[in-house]
C-alpha cells in the first residue's frame, strides 16, 4: 500500500530542510540545536507548515526563527530544486517547543526520583 503523495512530499521536505539548515544555511543568528520536528503539507502540496524546534535559550529561538523567515525564499528555491517539484510549496515556519518541554519534564522526574523535590 503506497502512502499519499502529500505525506511523501512532507517527509522529503523534512529530510531536505534538515540538511539545508545543517549545511547550506549560513546565518549567525541560527543557534542552539535546531531540528525539523514535523511538516504538514496540503493535499495539493502547494503549502507546507514546518515545525522547528530550537533547543536553546529564548534569544537563540528568536534568532533562529528570524533567520529562517529571512531566508524563506532561498529555502523554498532549494527545496524545489532538490525535490524536483513542478511547484515549490509556499512554506511557513512555526516554533515547536515540545522537545524543550519534554526535557524539562524529564529533569523534574529525575529530581523527584532522587528525592531532591
N, C-alpha and C. Protein backbone atom coordinates (compact mmCIF):
# COMPACT_ATOMS: atom_id res chain seq x y z
N UNK A 1 0.85 -1.18 0.00
CA UNK A 1 0.00 0.00 0.00
C UNK A 1 0.90 1.24 0.00
N UNK A 2 0.67 2.12 -0.91
CA UNK A 2 1.50 3.32 -1.00
C UNK A 2 0.89 4.45 -0.18
N UNK A 3 1.76 5.34 0.26
CA UNK A 3 1.29 6.47 1.04
C UNK A 3 0.87 7.60 0.11
N UNK A 4 -0.05 8.45 0.56
CA UNK A 4 -0.46 9.58 -0.27
C UNK A 4 0.72 10.49 -0.60
N UNK A 5 0.64 11.13 -1.75
CA UNK A 5 1.74 11.95 -2.25
C UNK A 5 2.11 13.06 -1.27
N UNK A 6 1.12 13.72 -0.68
CA UNK A 6 1.44 14.85 0.21
C UNK A 6 2.22 14.39 1.44
N UNK A 7 2.01 13.16 1.89
CA UNK A 7 2.79 12.65 3.03
C UNK A 7 4.23 12.35 2.63
N UNK A 8 4.42 11.82 1.41
CA UNK A 8 5.77 11.56 0.92
C UNK A 8 6.53 12.87 0.72
N UNK A 9 5.85 13.87 0.18
CA UNK A 9 6.47 15.18 -0.02
C UNK A 9 6.83 15.81 1.32
N UNK A 10 5.94 15.68 2.31
CA UNK A 10 6.22 16.24 3.64
C UNK A 10 7.47 15.60 4.25
N UNK A 11 7.60 14.29 4.13
CA UNK A 11 8.78 13.61 4.67
C UNK A 11 10.05 14.03 3.92
N UNK A 12 9.93 14.21 2.62
CA UNK A 12 11.08 14.66 1.83
C UNK A 12 11.49 16.08 2.21
N UNK A 13 10.50 16.95 2.43
CA UNK A 13 10.79 18.32 2.87
C UNK A 13 11.51 18.29 4.21
N UNK A 14 11.03 17.47 5.12
CA UNK A 14 11.65 17.36 6.45
C UNK A 14 13.11 16.95 6.35
N UNK A 15 13.38 15.95 5.53
CA UNK A 15 14.75 15.45 5.36
C UNK A 15 15.65 16.49 4.70
N UNK A 16 15.18 17.08 3.61
CA UNK A 16 16.00 18.04 2.86
C UNK A 16 16.19 19.34 3.64
N UNK A 17 15.15 19.81 4.33
CA UNK A 17 15.29 21.04 5.10
C UNK A 17 16.28 20.87 6.24
N UNK A 18 16.29 19.71 6.86
CA UNK A 18 17.27 19.45 7.91
C UNK A 18 18.68 19.58 7.36
N UNK A 19 18.90 19.06 6.16
CA UNK A 19 20.21 19.16 5.51
C UNK A 19 20.53 20.60 5.15
N UNK A 20 19.55 21.34 4.65
CA UNK A 20 19.76 22.74 4.28
C UNK A 20 20.17 23.55 5.51
N UNK A 21 19.48 23.36 6.62
CA UNK A 21 19.79 24.10 7.84
C UNK A 21 21.18 23.72 8.35
N UNK A 22 21.49 22.44 8.30
CA UNK A 22 22.76 21.95 8.83
C UNK A 22 23.94 22.39 7.98
N UNK A 23 23.81 22.32 6.66
CA UNK A 23 24.96 22.53 5.79
C UNK A 23 24.91 23.78 4.92
N UNK A 24 23.71 24.13 4.45
CA UNK A 24 23.64 25.16 3.43
C UNK A 24 23.29 26.55 3.89
N UNK A 25 22.77 26.69 5.08
CA UNK A 25 22.28 27.99 5.54
C UNK A 25 23.31 28.62 6.47
N UNK A 26 23.92 29.68 6.00
CA UNK A 26 24.94 30.36 6.80
C UNK A 26 24.36 31.66 7.34
N UNK A 27 23.99 31.63 8.61
CA UNK A 27 23.46 32.81 9.28
C UNK A 27 23.86 32.71 10.75
N UNK A 28 24.47 33.76 11.25
CA UNK A 28 24.98 33.75 12.63
C UNK A 28 23.86 33.68 13.66
N UNK A 29 22.64 34.04 13.26
CA UNK A 29 21.52 34.03 14.22
C UNK A 29 21.03 32.63 14.54
N UNK A 30 21.37 31.67 13.71
CA UNK A 30 20.93 30.29 13.97
C UNK A 30 21.78 29.73 15.09
N UNK A 31 21.13 29.43 16.21
CA UNK A 31 21.85 28.96 17.38
C UNK A 31 21.12 27.83 18.07
N UNK A 32 21.78 27.20 18.99
CA UNK A 32 21.19 26.07 19.69
C UNK A 32 21.15 24.85 18.79
N UNK A 33 20.41 23.87 19.22
CA UNK A 33 20.23 22.66 18.43
C UNK A 33 18.91 22.81 17.69
N UNK A 34 18.98 22.87 16.37
CA UNK A 34 17.81 23.11 15.54
C UNK A 34 17.40 21.80 14.88
N UNK A 35 16.12 21.48 14.97
CA UNK A 35 15.62 20.29 14.29
C UNK A 35 14.24 20.55 13.72
N UNK A 36 13.97 19.89 12.62
CA UNK A 36 12.66 19.96 11.98
C UNK A 36 11.83 18.84 12.59
N UNK A 37 10.82 19.19 13.38
CA UNK A 37 10.06 18.17 14.09
C UNK A 37 8.91 17.61 13.27
N UNK A 38 8.31 18.43 12.41
CA UNK A 38 7.17 17.96 11.63
C UNK A 38 6.96 18.88 10.43
N UNK A 39 6.35 18.34 9.40
CA UNK A 39 5.96 19.11 8.22
C UNK A 39 4.55 18.69 7.86
N UNK A 40 3.68 19.67 7.70
CA UNK A 40 2.31 19.41 7.27
C UNK A 40 2.13 20.02 5.89
N UNK A 41 1.80 19.19 4.91
CA UNK A 41 1.56 19.65 3.54
C UNK A 41 0.08 19.58 3.23
N UNK A 42 -0.39 20.53 2.43
CA UNK A 42 -1.75 20.44 1.93
C UNK A 42 -1.81 19.30 0.91
N UNK A 43 -3.03 18.85 0.58
CA UNK A 43 -3.18 17.73 -0.35
C UNK A 43 -2.59 18.01 -1.73
N UNK A 44 -2.59 19.28 -2.15
CA UNK A 44 -2.03 19.61 -3.46
C UNK A 44 -0.55 19.97 -3.39
N UNK A 45 0.05 19.90 -2.22
CA UNK A 45 1.48 20.16 -1.99
C UNK A 45 1.89 21.58 -2.37
N UNK A 46 0.97 22.51 -2.32
CA UNK A 46 1.28 23.90 -2.64
C UNK A 46 1.69 24.69 -1.41
N UNK A 47 1.32 24.22 -0.22
CA UNK A 47 1.64 24.90 1.02
C UNK A 47 2.17 23.89 2.03
N UNK A 48 3.18 24.31 2.78
CA UNK A 48 3.75 23.44 3.81
C UNK A 48 3.99 24.25 5.07
N UNK A 49 3.52 23.73 6.19
CA UNK A 49 3.77 24.33 7.50
C UNK A 49 4.86 23.48 8.15
N UNK A 50 5.97 24.16 8.50
CA UNK A 50 7.15 23.45 9.00
C UNK A 50 7.34 23.81 10.47
N UNK A 51 7.39 22.78 11.30
CA UNK A 51 7.57 22.97 12.74
C UNK A 51 9.04 22.79 13.09
N UNK A 52 9.61 23.83 13.69
CA UNK A 52 11.03 23.87 14.02
C UNK A 52 11.19 23.88 15.54
N UNK A 53 12.07 23.03 16.03
CA UNK A 53 12.40 23.01 17.45
C UNK A 53 13.82 23.53 17.63
N UNK A 54 13.97 24.49 18.53
CA UNK A 54 15.28 25.05 18.83
C UNK A 54 15.55 24.79 20.30
N UNK A 55 16.50 23.92 20.56
CA UNK A 55 16.86 23.62 21.94
C UNK A 55 17.95 24.60 22.35
N UNK A 56 17.53 25.64 23.06
CA UNK A 56 18.43 26.70 23.49
C UNK A 56 17.63 27.74 24.24
N UNK A 57 18.28 28.85 24.53
CA UNK A 57 17.56 29.90 25.26
C UNK A 57 16.62 30.66 24.33
N UNK A 58 15.87 31.58 24.92
CA UNK A 58 14.86 32.32 24.16
C UNK A 58 15.47 33.16 23.05
N UNK A 59 16.65 33.73 23.29
CA UNK A 59 17.31 34.54 22.25
C UNK A 59 17.72 33.68 21.06
N UNK A 60 18.20 32.47 21.32
CA UNK A 60 18.56 31.57 20.24
C UNK A 60 17.33 31.15 19.44
N UNK A 61 16.23 30.90 20.13
CA UNK A 61 14.99 30.54 19.45
C UNK A 61 14.52 31.67 18.56
N UNK A 62 14.49 32.87 19.10
CA UNK A 62 14.03 34.04 18.36
C UNK A 62 14.94 34.30 17.15
N UNK A 63 16.25 34.25 17.36
CA UNK A 63 17.20 34.49 16.28
C UNK A 63 17.09 33.46 15.18
N UNK A 64 16.93 32.20 15.56
CA UNK A 64 16.80 31.14 14.56
C UNK A 64 15.54 31.32 13.73
N UNK A 65 14.43 31.62 14.37
CA UNK A 65 13.18 31.81 13.63
C UNK A 65 13.26 33.03 12.71
N UNK A 66 13.91 34.10 13.17
CA UNK A 66 14.09 35.29 12.32
C UNK A 66 14.96 34.95 11.10
N UNK A 67 16.02 34.18 11.31
CA UNK A 67 16.90 33.80 10.21
C UNK A 67 16.16 32.94 9.19
N UNK A 68 15.36 31.99 9.67
CA UNK A 68 14.60 31.14 8.76
C UNK A 68 13.59 31.95 7.96
N UNK A 69 12.92 32.89 8.62
CA UNK A 69 11.97 33.75 7.91
C UNK A 69 12.68 34.59 6.85
N UNK A 70 13.86 35.10 7.19
CA UNK A 70 14.61 35.94 6.25
C UNK A 70 15.04 35.14 5.02
N UNK A 71 15.43 33.90 5.22
CA UNK A 71 15.92 33.05 4.14
C UNK A 71 14.81 32.17 3.53
N UNK A 72 13.57 32.50 3.80
CA UNK A 72 12.44 31.69 3.36
C UNK A 72 12.43 31.46 1.85
N UNK A 73 12.67 32.50 1.07
CA UNK A 73 12.68 32.37 -0.39
C UNK A 73 13.80 31.48 -0.88
N UNK A 74 14.97 31.66 -0.29
CA UNK A 74 16.13 30.82 -0.65
C UNK A 74 15.87 29.36 -0.31
N UNK A 75 15.30 29.12 0.86
CA UNK A 75 15.00 27.75 1.29
C UNK A 75 13.97 27.13 0.36
N UNK A 76 12.95 27.89 0.01
CA UNK A 76 11.90 27.39 -0.88
C UNK A 76 12.50 27.01 -2.24
N UNK A 77 13.39 27.85 -2.76
CA UNK A 77 14.04 27.54 -4.03
C UNK A 77 14.88 26.28 -3.96
N UNK A 78 15.64 26.13 -2.87
CA UNK A 78 16.47 24.93 -2.72
C UNK A 78 15.60 23.68 -2.60
N UNK A 79 14.50 23.79 -1.85
CA UNK A 79 13.60 22.64 -1.72
C UNK A 79 13.01 22.26 -3.07
N UNK A 80 12.60 23.26 -3.86
CA UNK A 80 12.04 22.98 -5.17
C UNK A 80 13.03 22.27 -6.08
N UNK A 81 14.29 22.71 -6.05
CA UNK A 81 15.31 22.06 -6.87
C UNK A 81 15.64 20.66 -6.38
N UNK A 82 15.79 20.50 -5.07
CA UNK A 82 16.16 19.20 -4.53
C UNK A 82 15.06 18.16 -4.71
N UNK A 83 13.81 18.59 -4.54
CA UNK A 83 12.70 17.64 -4.64
C UNK A 83 12.17 17.50 -6.06
N UNK A 84 12.65 18.34 -6.96
CA UNK A 84 12.25 18.33 -8.36
C UNK A 84 10.73 18.38 -8.52
N UNK A 85 10.14 19.34 -7.79
CA UNK A 85 8.70 19.54 -7.88
C UNK A 85 8.40 20.60 -8.93
N UNK A 86 7.27 20.47 -9.58
CA UNK A 86 6.87 21.48 -10.56
C UNK A 86 6.65 22.82 -9.86
N UNK A 87 5.99 22.78 -8.72
CA UNK A 87 5.76 23.99 -7.93
C UNK A 87 6.34 23.78 -6.54
N UNK A 88 7.29 24.63 -6.16
CA UNK A 88 7.83 24.56 -4.80
C UNK A 88 6.75 25.07 -3.85
N UNK A 89 6.50 24.37 -2.76
CA UNK A 89 5.43 24.79 -1.86
C UNK A 89 5.75 26.11 -1.14
N UNK A 90 4.70 26.88 -0.89
CA UNK A 90 4.83 28.05 -0.02
C UNK A 90 5.08 27.51 1.37
N UNK A 91 6.10 28.05 2.06
CA UNK A 91 6.43 27.50 3.37
C UNK A 91 6.24 28.55 4.47
N UNK A 92 5.79 28.07 5.60
CA UNK A 92 5.70 28.89 6.80
C UNK A 92 6.35 28.11 7.93
N UNK A 93 7.03 28.84 8.80
CA UNK A 93 7.73 28.22 9.93
C UNK A 93 6.97 28.49 11.22
N UNK A 94 6.86 27.47 12.04
CA UNK A 94 6.25 27.58 13.36
C UNK A 94 7.22 27.02 14.39
N UNK A 95 7.38 27.74 15.50
CA UNK A 95 8.26 27.27 16.57
C UNK A 95 7.56 26.16 17.35
N UNK A 96 8.24 25.05 17.51
CA UNK A 96 7.72 23.89 18.25
C UNK A 96 8.58 23.71 19.49
N UNK A 97 7.99 23.95 20.65
CA UNK A 97 8.77 23.85 21.89
C UNK A 97 8.51 22.54 22.64
N UNK A 98 7.97 21.54 21.98
CA UNK A 98 7.63 20.30 22.65
C UNK A 98 8.87 19.53 23.14
N UNK A 99 9.97 19.57 22.38
CA UNK A 99 11.18 18.87 22.83
C UNK A 99 11.76 19.51 24.09
N UNK A 100 11.73 20.83 24.12
CA UNK A 100 12.25 21.53 25.30
C UNK A 100 11.38 21.26 26.52
N UNK A 101 10.06 21.26 26.33
CA UNK A 101 9.15 20.95 27.45
C UNK A 101 9.38 19.52 27.93
N UNK A 102 9.61 18.60 27.00
CA UNK A 102 9.88 17.21 27.36
C UNK A 102 11.15 17.08 28.18
N UNK A 103 12.18 17.84 27.83
CA UNK A 103 13.44 17.80 28.58
C UNK A 103 13.23 18.32 30.00
N UNK A 104 12.43 19.37 30.14
CA UNK A 104 12.15 19.91 31.47
C UNK A 104 11.38 18.91 32.33
N UNK A 105 10.41 18.23 31.73
CA UNK A 105 9.64 17.23 32.47
C UNK A 105 10.54 16.08 32.89
N UNK A 106 11.41 15.64 32.00
CA UNK A 106 12.35 14.57 32.33
C UNK A 106 13.28 14.97 33.47
N UNK A 107 13.75 16.21 33.45
CA UNK A 107 14.62 16.70 34.53
C UNK A 107 13.86 16.72 35.85
N UNK A 108 12.61 17.14 35.84
CA UNK A 108 11.80 17.14 37.06
C UNK A 108 11.57 15.73 37.59
N UNK A 109 11.30 14.80 36.70
CA UNK A 109 11.09 13.40 37.12
C UNK A 109 12.37 12.85 37.74
N UNK A 110 13.52 13.17 37.14
CA UNK A 110 14.79 12.71 37.69
C UNK A 110 15.03 13.30 39.08
N UNK A 111 14.68 14.57 39.27
CA UNK A 111 14.85 15.21 40.58
C UNK A 111 13.94 14.57 41.61
N UNK A 112 12.72 14.25 41.22
CA UNK A 112 11.77 13.62 42.13
C UNK A 112 12.26 12.23 42.52
N UNK A 113 12.76 11.47 41.54
CA UNK A 113 13.22 10.11 41.83
C UNK A 113 14.45 10.11 42.74
N UNK A 114 15.24 11.18 42.68
CA UNK A 114 16.42 11.29 43.55
C UNK A 114 16.06 11.88 44.91
N UNK A 115 14.82 12.30 45.10
CA UNK A 115 14.41 12.87 46.35
C UNK A 115 14.80 14.32 46.55
N UNK A 116 15.14 15.00 45.48
CA UNK A 116 15.55 16.41 45.57
C UNK A 116 14.34 17.33 45.68
N UNK A 117 13.21 16.85 45.27
CA UNK A 117 11.98 17.68 45.33
C UNK A 117 10.98 16.99 46.23
